């Protein structure tokens, strides 16, 4: 096995592991459980009420749309 193949395998494996961990932590953060146990670790936390959670999400600013392409095409670059 050449060095490039080994680096490719390690890179793909690390990226896959990072994706799995991200999915796991996102699921845990969205959970409504007050006690979460995973991989031998136990976490006890206070969960926000549903009203507090909804209120926290409605205070966010609306997303900003990108500039239209027609406006970007009219810009002259010299």
PDB file of N, CA and C in Angstrom:
ATOM      1  N   UNK A   1       0.862  -1.169   0.000  1.00  0.00           N
ATOM      2  CA  UNK A   1       0.000   0.000   0.000  1.00  0.00           C
ATOM      3  C   UNK A   1       0.904   1.226   0.000  1.00  0.00           C
ATOM      4  N   UNK A   2       0.646   2.141  -0.918  1.00  0.00           N
ATOM      5  CA  UNK A   2       1.482   3.332  -1.027  1.00  0.00           C
ATOM      6  C   UNK A   2       1.070   4.371   0.020  1.00  0.00           C
ATOM      7  N   UNK A   3       1.904   5.373   0.166  1.00  0.00           N
ATOM      8  CA  UNK A   3       1.641   6.425   1.145  1.00  0.00           C
ATOM      9  C   UNK A   3       0.373   7.200   0.850  1.00  0.00           C
ATOM     10  N   UNK A   4       0.123   7.455  -0.435  1.00  0.00           N
ATOM     11  CA  UNK A   4      -1.070   8.206  -0.822  1.00  0.00           C
ATOM     12  C   UNK A   4      -2.346   7.429  -0.485  1.00  0.00           C
ATOM     13  N   UNK A   5      -2.322   6.127  -0.690  1.00  0.00           N
ATOM     14  CA  UNK A   5      -3.489   5.307  -0.356  1.00  0.00           C
ATOM     15  C   UNK A   5      -3.738   5.294   1.137  1.00  0.00           C
ATOM     16  N   UNK A   6      -2.674   5.209   1.917  1.00  0.00           N
ATOM     17  CA  UNK A   6      -2.803   5.211   3.371  1.00  0.00           C
ATOM     18  C   UNK A   6      -3.367   6.533   3.868  1.00  0.00           C
ATOM     19  N   UNK A   7      -2.881   7.628   3.320  1.00  0.00           N
ATOM     20  CA  UNK A   7      -3.386   8.952   3.704  1.00  0.00           C
ATOM     21  C   UNK A   7      -4.854   9.087   3.325  1.00  0.00           C
ATOM     22  N   UNK A   8      -5.241   8.579   2.154  1.00  0.00           N
ATOM     23  CA  UNK A   8      -6.640   8.651   1.722  1.00  0.00           C
ATOM     24  C   UNK A   8      -7.542   7.851   2.656  1.00  0.00           C
ATOM     25  N   UNK A   9      -7.099   6.660   3.044  1.00  0.00           N
ATOM     26  CA  UNK A   9      -7.895   5.824   3.953  1.00  0.00           C
ATOM     27  C   UNK A   9      -8.038   6.498   5.313  1.00  0.00           C
ATOM     28  N   UNK A  10      -6.968   7.059   5.827  1.00  0.00           N
ATOM     29  CA  UNK A  10      -7.017   7.739   7.123  1.00  0.00           C
ATOM     30  C   UNK A  10      -7.927   8.963   7.038  1.00  0.00           C
ATOM     31  N   UNK A  11      -7.838   9.720   5.950  1.00  0.00           N
ATOM     32  CA  UNK A  11      -8.676  10.913   5.789  1.00  0.00           C
ATOM     33  C   UNK A  11     -10.156  10.566   5.728  1.00  0.00           C
ATOM     34  N   UNK A  12     -10.494   9.549   4.948  1.00  0.00           N
ATOM     35  CA  UNK A  12     -11.897   9.136   4.834  1.00  0.00           C
ATOM     36  C   UNK A  12     -12.407   8.610   6.167  1.00  0.00           C
ATOM     37  N   UNK A  13     -11.588   7.844   6.862  1.00  0.00           N
ATOM     38  CA  UNK A  13     -11.992   7.304   8.167  1.00  0.00           C
ATOM     39  C   UNK A  13     -12.209   8.423   9.180  1.00  0.00           C
ATOM     40  N   UNK A  14     -11.306   9.389   9.219  1.00  0.00           N
ATOM     41  CA  UNK A  14     -11.437  10.500  10.165  1.00  0.00           C
ATOM     42  C   UNK A  14     -12.662  11.348   9.852  1.00  0.00           C
ATOM     43  N   UNK A  15     -12.925  11.580   8.577  1.00  0.00           N
ATOM     44  CA  UNK A  15     -14.098  12.362   8.188  1.00  0.00           C
ATOM     45  C   UNK A  15     -15.384  11.633   8.557  1.00  0.00           C
ATOM     46  N   UNK A  16     -15.425  10.327   8.355  1.00  0.00           N
ATOM     47  CA  UNK A  16     -16.606   9.538   8.718  1.00  0.00           C
ATOM     48  C   UNK A  16     -16.835   9.553  10.220  1.00  0.00           C
ATOM     49  N   UNK A  17     -15.765   9.402  10.982  1.00  0.00           N
ATOM     50  CA  UNK A  17     -15.884   9.444  12.442  1.00  0.00           C
ATOM     51  C   UNK A  17     -16.372  10.807  12.913  1.00  0.00           C
ATOM     52  N   UNK A  18     -15.847  11.870  12.318  1.00  0.00           N
ATOM     53  CA  UNK A  18     -16.291  13.218  12.680  1.00  0.00           C
ATOM     54  C   UNK A  18     -17.775  13.410  12.363  1.00  0.00           C
ATOM     55  N   UNK A  19     -18.229  12.882  11.236  1.00  0.00           N
ATOM     56  CA  UNK A  19     -19.646  12.971  10.884  1.00  0.00           C
ATOM     57  C   UNK A  19     -20.537  12.217  11.860  1.00  0.00           C
ATOM     58  N   UNK A  20     -20.104  11.045  12.265  1.00  0.00           N
ATOM     59  CA  UNK A  20     -20.874  10.268  13.246  1.00  0.00           C
ATOM     60  C   UNK A  20     -20.933  10.984  14.591  1.00  0.00           C
ATOM     61  N   UNK A  21     -19.811  11.520  15.037  1.00  0.00           N
ATOM     62  CA  UNK A  21     -19.794  12.242  16.313  1.00  0.00           C
ATOM     63  C   UNK A  21     -20.661  13.493  16.248  1.00  0.00           C
ATOM     64  N   UNK A  22     -20.625  14.192  15.125  1.00  0.00           N
ATOM     65  CA  UNK A  22     -21.469  15.380  14.969  1.00  0.00           C
ATOM     66  C   UNK A  22     -22.944  15.002  15.036  1.00  0.00           C
ATOM     67  N   UNK A  23     -23.320  13.928  14.370  1.00  0.00           N
ATOM     68  CA  UNK A  23     -24.712  13.464  14.413  1.00  0.00           C
ATOM     69  C   UNK A  23     -25.121  13.074  15.829  1.00  0.00           C
ATOM     70  N   UNK A  24     -24.239  12.387  16.527  1.00  0.00           N
ATOM     71  CA  UNK A  24     -24.520  11.970  17.898  1.00  0.00           C
ATOM     72  C   UNK A  24     -24.727  13.175  18.811  1.00  0.00           C
ATOM     73  N   UNK A  25     -23.802  14.133  18.755  1.00  0.00           N
ATOM     74  CA  UNK A  25     -23.910  15.293  19.640  1.00  0.00           C
ATOM     75  C   UNK A  25     -25.099  16.169  19.281  1.00  0.00           C
ATOM     76  N   UNK A  26     -25.446  16.251  18.010  1.00  0.00           N
ATOM     77  CA  UNK A  26     -26.628  17.017  17.627  1.00  0.00           C
ATOM     78  C   UNK A  26     -27.894  16.350  18.167  1.00  0.00           C
ATOM     79  N   UNK A  27     -27.961  15.037  18.070  1.00  0.00           N
ATOM     80  CA  UNK A  27     -29.119  14.314  18.606  1.00  0.00           C
ATOM     81  C   UNK A  27     -29.231  14.495  20.112  1.00  0.00           C
ATOM     82  N   UNK A  28     -28.097  14.450  20.789  1.00  0.00           N
ATOM     83  CA  UNK A  28     -28.103  14.636  22.249  1.00  0.00           C
ATOM     84  C   UNK A  28     -28.544  16.050  22.599  1.00  0.00           C
ATOM     85  N   UNK A  29     -28.064  17.043  21.850  1.00  0.00           N
ATOM     86  CA  UNK A  29     -28.415  18.422  22.183  1.00  0.00           C
ATOM     87  C   UNK A  29     -29.894  18.710  21.943  1.00  0.00           C
ATOM     88  N   UNK A  30     -30.516  18.025  20.977  1.00  0.00           N
ATOM     89  CA  UNK A  30     -31.927  18.239  20.690  1.00  0.00           C
ATOM     90  C   UNK A  30     -32.848  17.373  21.553  1.00  0.00           C
ATOM     91  N   UNK A  31     -32.274  16.509  22.356  1.00  0.00           N
ATOM     92  CA  UNK A  31     -33.055  15.601  23.173  1.00  0.00           C
ATOM     93  C   UNK A  31     -33.775  16.353  24.289  1.00  0.00           C
ATOM     94  N   UNK A  32     -34.923  15.858  24.687  1.00  0.00           N
ATOM     95  CA  UNK A  32     -35.685  16.449  25.796  1.00  0.00           C
ATOM     96  C   UNK A  32     -35.453  15.691  27.092  1.00  0.00           C
ATOM     97  N   UNK A  33     -34.505  14.764  27.102  1.00  0.00           N
ATOM     98  CA  UNK A  33     -34.223  13.965  28.291  1.00  0.00           C
ATOM     99  C   UNK A  33     -33.409  14.779  29.296  1.00  0.00           C
ATOM    100  N   UNK A  34     -33.666  14.547  30.579  1.00  0.00           N
ATOM    101  CA  UNK A  34     -32.895  15.245  31.612  1.00  0.00           C
ATOM    102  C   UNK A  34     -31.648  14.448  31.992  1.00  0.00           C
ATOM    103  N   UNK A  35     -31.618  13.150  31.707  1.00  0.00           N
ATOM    104  CA  UNK A  35     -30.437  12.321  31.941  1.00  0.00           C
ATOM    105  C   UNK A  35     -30.087  11.605  30.641  1.00  0.00           C
ATOM    106  N   UNK A  36     -28.847  11.772  30.208  1.00  0.00           N
ATOM    107  CA  UNK A  36     -28.398  11.154  28.968  1.00  0.00           C
ATOM    108  C   UNK A  36     -27.166  10.318  29.262  1.00  0.00           C
ATOM    109  N   UNK A  37     -27.200   9.058  28.882  1.00  0.00           N
ATOM    110  CA  UNK A  37     -26.051   8.176  29.034  1.00  0.00           C
ATOM    111  C   UNK A  37     -25.600   7.677  27.674  1.00  0.00           C
ATOM    112  N   UNK A  38     -24.300   7.814  27.406  1.00  0.00           N
ATOM    113  CA  UNK A  38     -23.778   7.393  26.119  1.00  0.00           C
ATOM    114  C   UNK A  38     -22.310   7.025  26.278  1.00  0.00           C
ATOM    115  N   UNK A  39     -21.929   5.859  25.792  1.00  0.00           N
ATOM    116  CA  UNK A  39     -20.529   5.413  25.788  1.00  0.00           C
ATOM    117  C   UNK A  39     -19.907   5.461  27.184  1.00  0.00           C
ATOM    118  N   UNK A  40     -20.668   5.119  28.203  1.00  0.00           N
ATOM    119  CA  UNK A  40     -20.144   5.082  29.564  1.00  0.00           C
ATOM    120  C   UNK A  40     -20.173   6.416  30.279  1.00  0.00           C
ATOM    121  N   UNK A  41     -20.614   7.485  29.630  1.00  0.00           N
ATOM    122  CA  UNK A  41     -20.702   8.811  30.256  1.00  0.00           C
ATOM    123  C   UNK A  41     -22.161   9.096  30.587  1.00  0.00           C
ATOM    124  N   UNK A  42     -22.391   9.766  31.710  1.00  0.00           N
ATOM    125  CA  UNK A  42     -23.745  10.130  32.124  1.00  0.00           C
ATOM    126  C   UNK A  42     -23.798  11.637  32.318  1.00  0.00           C
ATOM    127  N   UNK A  43     -24.795  12.262  31.727  1.00  0.00           N
ATOM    128  CA  UNK A  43     -24.968  13.707  31.824  1.00  0.00           C
ATOM    129  C   UNK A  43     -26.356  13.987  32.390  1.00  0.00           C
ATOM    130  N   UNK A  44     -26.420  14.759  33.465  1.00  0.00           N
ATOM    131  CA  UNK A  44     -27.694  15.204  34.025  1.00  0.00           C
ATOM    132  C   UNK A  44     -27.796  16.695  33.760  1.00  0.00           C
ATOM    133  N   UNK A  45     -28.934  17.103  33.202  1.00  0.00           N
ATOM    134  CA  UNK A  45     -29.097  18.507  32.844  1.00  0.00           C
ATOM    135  C   UNK A  45     -30.526  18.953  33.042  1.00  0.00           C
ATOM    136  N   UNK A  46     -30.711  20.270  33.085  1.00  0.00           N
ATOM    137  CA  UNK A  46     -32.046  20.846  33.157  1.00  0.00           C
ATOM    138  C   UNK A  46     -32.501  21.123  31.731  1.00  0.00           C
ATOM    139  N   UNK A  47     -33.683  20.661  31.397  1.00  0.00           N
ATOM    140  CA  UNK A  47     -34.211  20.817  30.045  1.00  0.00           C
ATOM    141  C   UNK A  47     -35.134  22.020  30.028  1.00  0.00           C
ATOM    142  N   UNK A  48     -35.009  22.854  28.997  1.00  0.00           N
ATOM    143  CA  UNK A  48     -35.903  23.997  28.847  1.00  0.00           C
ATOM    144  C   UNK A  48     -37.329  23.518  28.598  1.00  0.00           C
ATOM    145  N   UNK A  49     -38.298  24.286  29.096  1.00  0.00           N
ATOM    146  CA  UNK A  49     -39.683  23.956  28.789  1.00  0.00           C
ATOM    147  C   UNK A  49     -39.917  24.197  27.301  1.00  0.00           C
ATOM    148  N   UNK A  50     -40.971  23.620  26.773  1.00  0.00           N
ATOM    149  CA  UNK A  50     -41.237  23.767  25.347  1.00  0.00           C
ATOM    150  C   UNK A  50     -41.500  25.223  24.988  1.00  0.00           C
ATOM    151  N   UNK A  51     -42.176  25.956  25.868  1.00  0.00           N
ATOM    152  CA  UNK A  51     -42.444  27.374  25.597  1.00  0.00           C
ATOM    153  C   UNK A  51     -41.157  28.190  25.562  1.00  0.00           C
ATOM    154  N   UNK A  52     -40.254  27.929  26.496  1.00  0.00           N
ATOM    155  CA  UNK A  52     -38.977  28.650  26.515  1.00  0.00           C
ATOM    156  C   UNK A  52     -38.153  28.319  25.281  1.00  0.00           C
ATOM    157  N   UNK A  53     -38.185  27.077  24.850  1.00  0.00           N
ATOM    158  CA  UNK A  53     -37.457  26.668  23.654  1.00  0.00           C
ATOM    159  C   UNK A  53     -38.016  27.368  22.415  1.00  0.00           C
ATOM    160  N   UNK A  54     -39.336  27.409  22.285  1.00  0.00           N
ATOM    161  CA  UNK A  54     -39.951  28.061  21.132  1.00  0.00           C
ATOM    162  C   UNK A  54     -39.687  29.563  21.146  1.00  0.00           C
ATOM    163  N   UNK A  55     -39.719  30.170  22.329  1.00  0.00           N
ATOM    164  CA  UNK A  55     -39.466  31.600  22.443  1.00  0.00           C
ATOM    165  C   UNK A  55     -38.017  31.923  22.078  1.00  0.00           C
ATOM    166  N   UNK A  56     -37.085  31.093  22.475  1.00  0.00           N
ATOM    167  CA  UNK A  56     -35.680  31.316  22.152  1.00  0.00           C
ATOM    168  C   UNK A  56     -35.449  31.220  20.649  1.00  0.00           C
ATOM    169  N   UNK A  57     -36.173  30.359  19.965  1.00  0.00           N
ATOM    170  CA  UNK A  57     -36.007  30.195  18.525  1.00  0.00           C
ATOM    171  C   UNK A  57     -36.697  31.280  17.719  1.00  0.00           C
ATOM    172  N   UNK A  58     -37.705  31.953  18.265  1.00  0.00           N
ATOM    173  CA  UNK A  58     -38.409  32.993  17.514  1.00  0.00           C
ATOM    174  C   UNK A  58     -37.706  34.335  17.622  1.00  0.00           C
ATOM    175  N   UNK A  59     -36.743  34.493  18.519  1.00  0.00           N
ATOM    176  CA  UNK A  59     -36.040  35.762  18.675  1.00  0.00           C
ATOM    177  C   UNK A  59     -34.900  35.914  17.677  1.00  0.00           C
ATOM    178  N   UNK A  60     -34.674  34.940  16.843  1.00  0.00           N
ATOM    179  CA  UNK A  60     -33.592  35.008  15.864  1.00  0.00           C
ATOM    180  C   UNK A  60     -33.971  35.935  14.722  1.00  0.00           C
ATOM    181  N   UNK A  61     -32.976  36.613  14.173  1.00  0.00           N
ATOM    182  CA  UNK A  61     -33.206  37.488  13.029  1.00  0.00           C
ATOM    183  C   UNK A  61     -33.507  36.643  11.798  1.00  0.00           C
ATOM    184  N   UNK A  62     -34.330  37.153  10.902  1.00  0.00           N
ATOM    185  CA  UNK A  62     -34.630  36.389   9.683  1.00  0.00           C
ATOM    186  C   UNK A  62     -33.383  36.300   8.807  1.00  0.00           C
ATOM    187  N   UNK A  63     -33.284  35.259   7.991  1.00  0.00           N
ATOM    188  CA  UNK A  63     -32.116  35.117   7.123  1.00  0.00           C
ATOM    189  C   UNK A  63     -32.082  36.213   6.068  1.00  0.00           C
ATOM    190  N   UNK A  64     -30.883  36.585   5.670  1.00  0.00           N
ATOM    191  CA  UNK A  64     -30.695  37.623   4.663  1.00  0.00           C
ATOM    192  C   UNK A  64     -30.473  36.942   3.317  1.00  0.00           C
ATOM    193  N   UNK A  65     -31.182  37.399   2.298  1.00  0.00           N
ATOM    194  CA  UNK A  65     -31.045  36.824   0.959  1.00  0.00           C
ATOM    195  C   UNK A  65     -29.773  37.343   0.302  1.00  0.00           C
ATOM    196  N   UNK A  66     -29.116  36.509  -0.481  1.00  0.00           N
ATOM    197  CA  UNK A  66     -27.945  36.989  -1.219  1.00  0.00           C
ATOM    198  C   UNK A  66     -28.360  37.946  -2.333  1.00  0.00           C
ATOM    199  N   UNK A  67     -27.397  38.694  -2.829  1.00  0.00           N
ATOM    200  CA  UNK A  67     -27.697  39.625  -3.911  1.00  0.00           C
ATOM    201  C   UNK A  67     -28.105  38.857  -5.162  1.00  0.00           C
ATOM    202  N   UNK A  68     -29.034  39.409  -5.935  1.00  0.00           N
ATOM    203  CA  UNK A  68     -29.428  38.742  -7.177  1.00  0.00           C
ATOM    204  C   UNK A  68     -28.256  38.687  -8.153  1.00  0.00           C
ATOM    205  N   UNK A  69     -28.235  37.675  -9.006  1.00  0.00           N
ATOM    206  CA  UNK A  69     -27.152  37.506  -9.962  1.00  0.00           C
ATOM    207  C   UNK A  69     -27.083  38.660 -10.953  1.00  0.00           C
ATOM    208  N   UNK A  70     -28.216  39.220 -11.333  1.00  0.00           N
ATOM    209  CA  UNK A  70     -28.215  40.303 -12.309  1.00  0.00           C
ATOM    210  C   UNK A  70     -27.451  41.506 -11.771  1.00  0.00           C
ATOM    211  N   UNK A  71     -27.554  41.764 -10.508  1.00  0.00           N
ATOM    212  CA  UNK A  71     -26.837  42.889  -9.898  1.00  0.00           C
ATOM    213  C   UNK A  71     -25.342  42.592  -9.843  1.00  0.00           C
ATOM    214  N   UNK A  72     -24.983  41.352  -9.564  1.00  0.00           N
ATOM    215  CA  UNK A  72     -23.574  40.980  -9.488  1.00  0.00           C
ATOM    216  C   UNK A  72     -22.930  41.037 -10.868  1.00  0.00           C
ATOM    217  N   UNK A  73     -23.668  40.706 -11.916  1.00  0.00           N
ATOM    218  CA  UNK A  73     -23.121  40.718 -13.275  1.00  0.00           C
ATOM    219  C   UNK A  73     -22.870  42.121 -13.771  1.00  0.00           C
ATOM    220  N   UNK A  74     -23.584  43.110 -13.218  1.00  0.00           N
ATOM    221  CA  UNK A  74     -23.421  44.483 -13.694  1.00  0.00           C
ATOM    222  C   UNK A  74     -22.183  45.154 -13.104  1.00  0.00           C
ATOM    223  N   UNK A  75     -21.518  44.537 -12.161  1.00  0.00           N
ATOM    224  CA  UNK A  75     -20.327  45.119 -11.557  1.00  0.00           C
ATOM    225  C   UNK A  75     -19.148  44.932 -12.501  1.00  0.00           C
ATOM    226  N   UNK A  76     -18.459  46.017 -12.810  1.00  0.00           N
ATOM    227  CA  UNK A  76     -17.298  45.945 -13.695  1.00  0.00           C
ATOM    228  C   UNK A  76     -16.043  45.787 -12.871  1.00  0.00           C
ATOM    229  N   UNK A  77     -15.264  44.783 -13.185  1.00  0.00           N
ATOM    230  CA  UNK A  77     -14.021  44.537 -12.493  1.00  0.00           C
ATOM    231  C   UNK A  77     -12.884  44.905 -13.433  1.00  0.00           C
ATOM    232  N   UNK A  78     -12.032  45.826 -13.003  1.00  0.00           N
ATOM    233  CA  UNK A  78     -10.922  46.257 -13.859  1.00  0.00           C
ATOM    234  C   UNK A  78      -9.618  45.845 -13.268  1.00  0.00           C
TER     235      UNK A  78
END
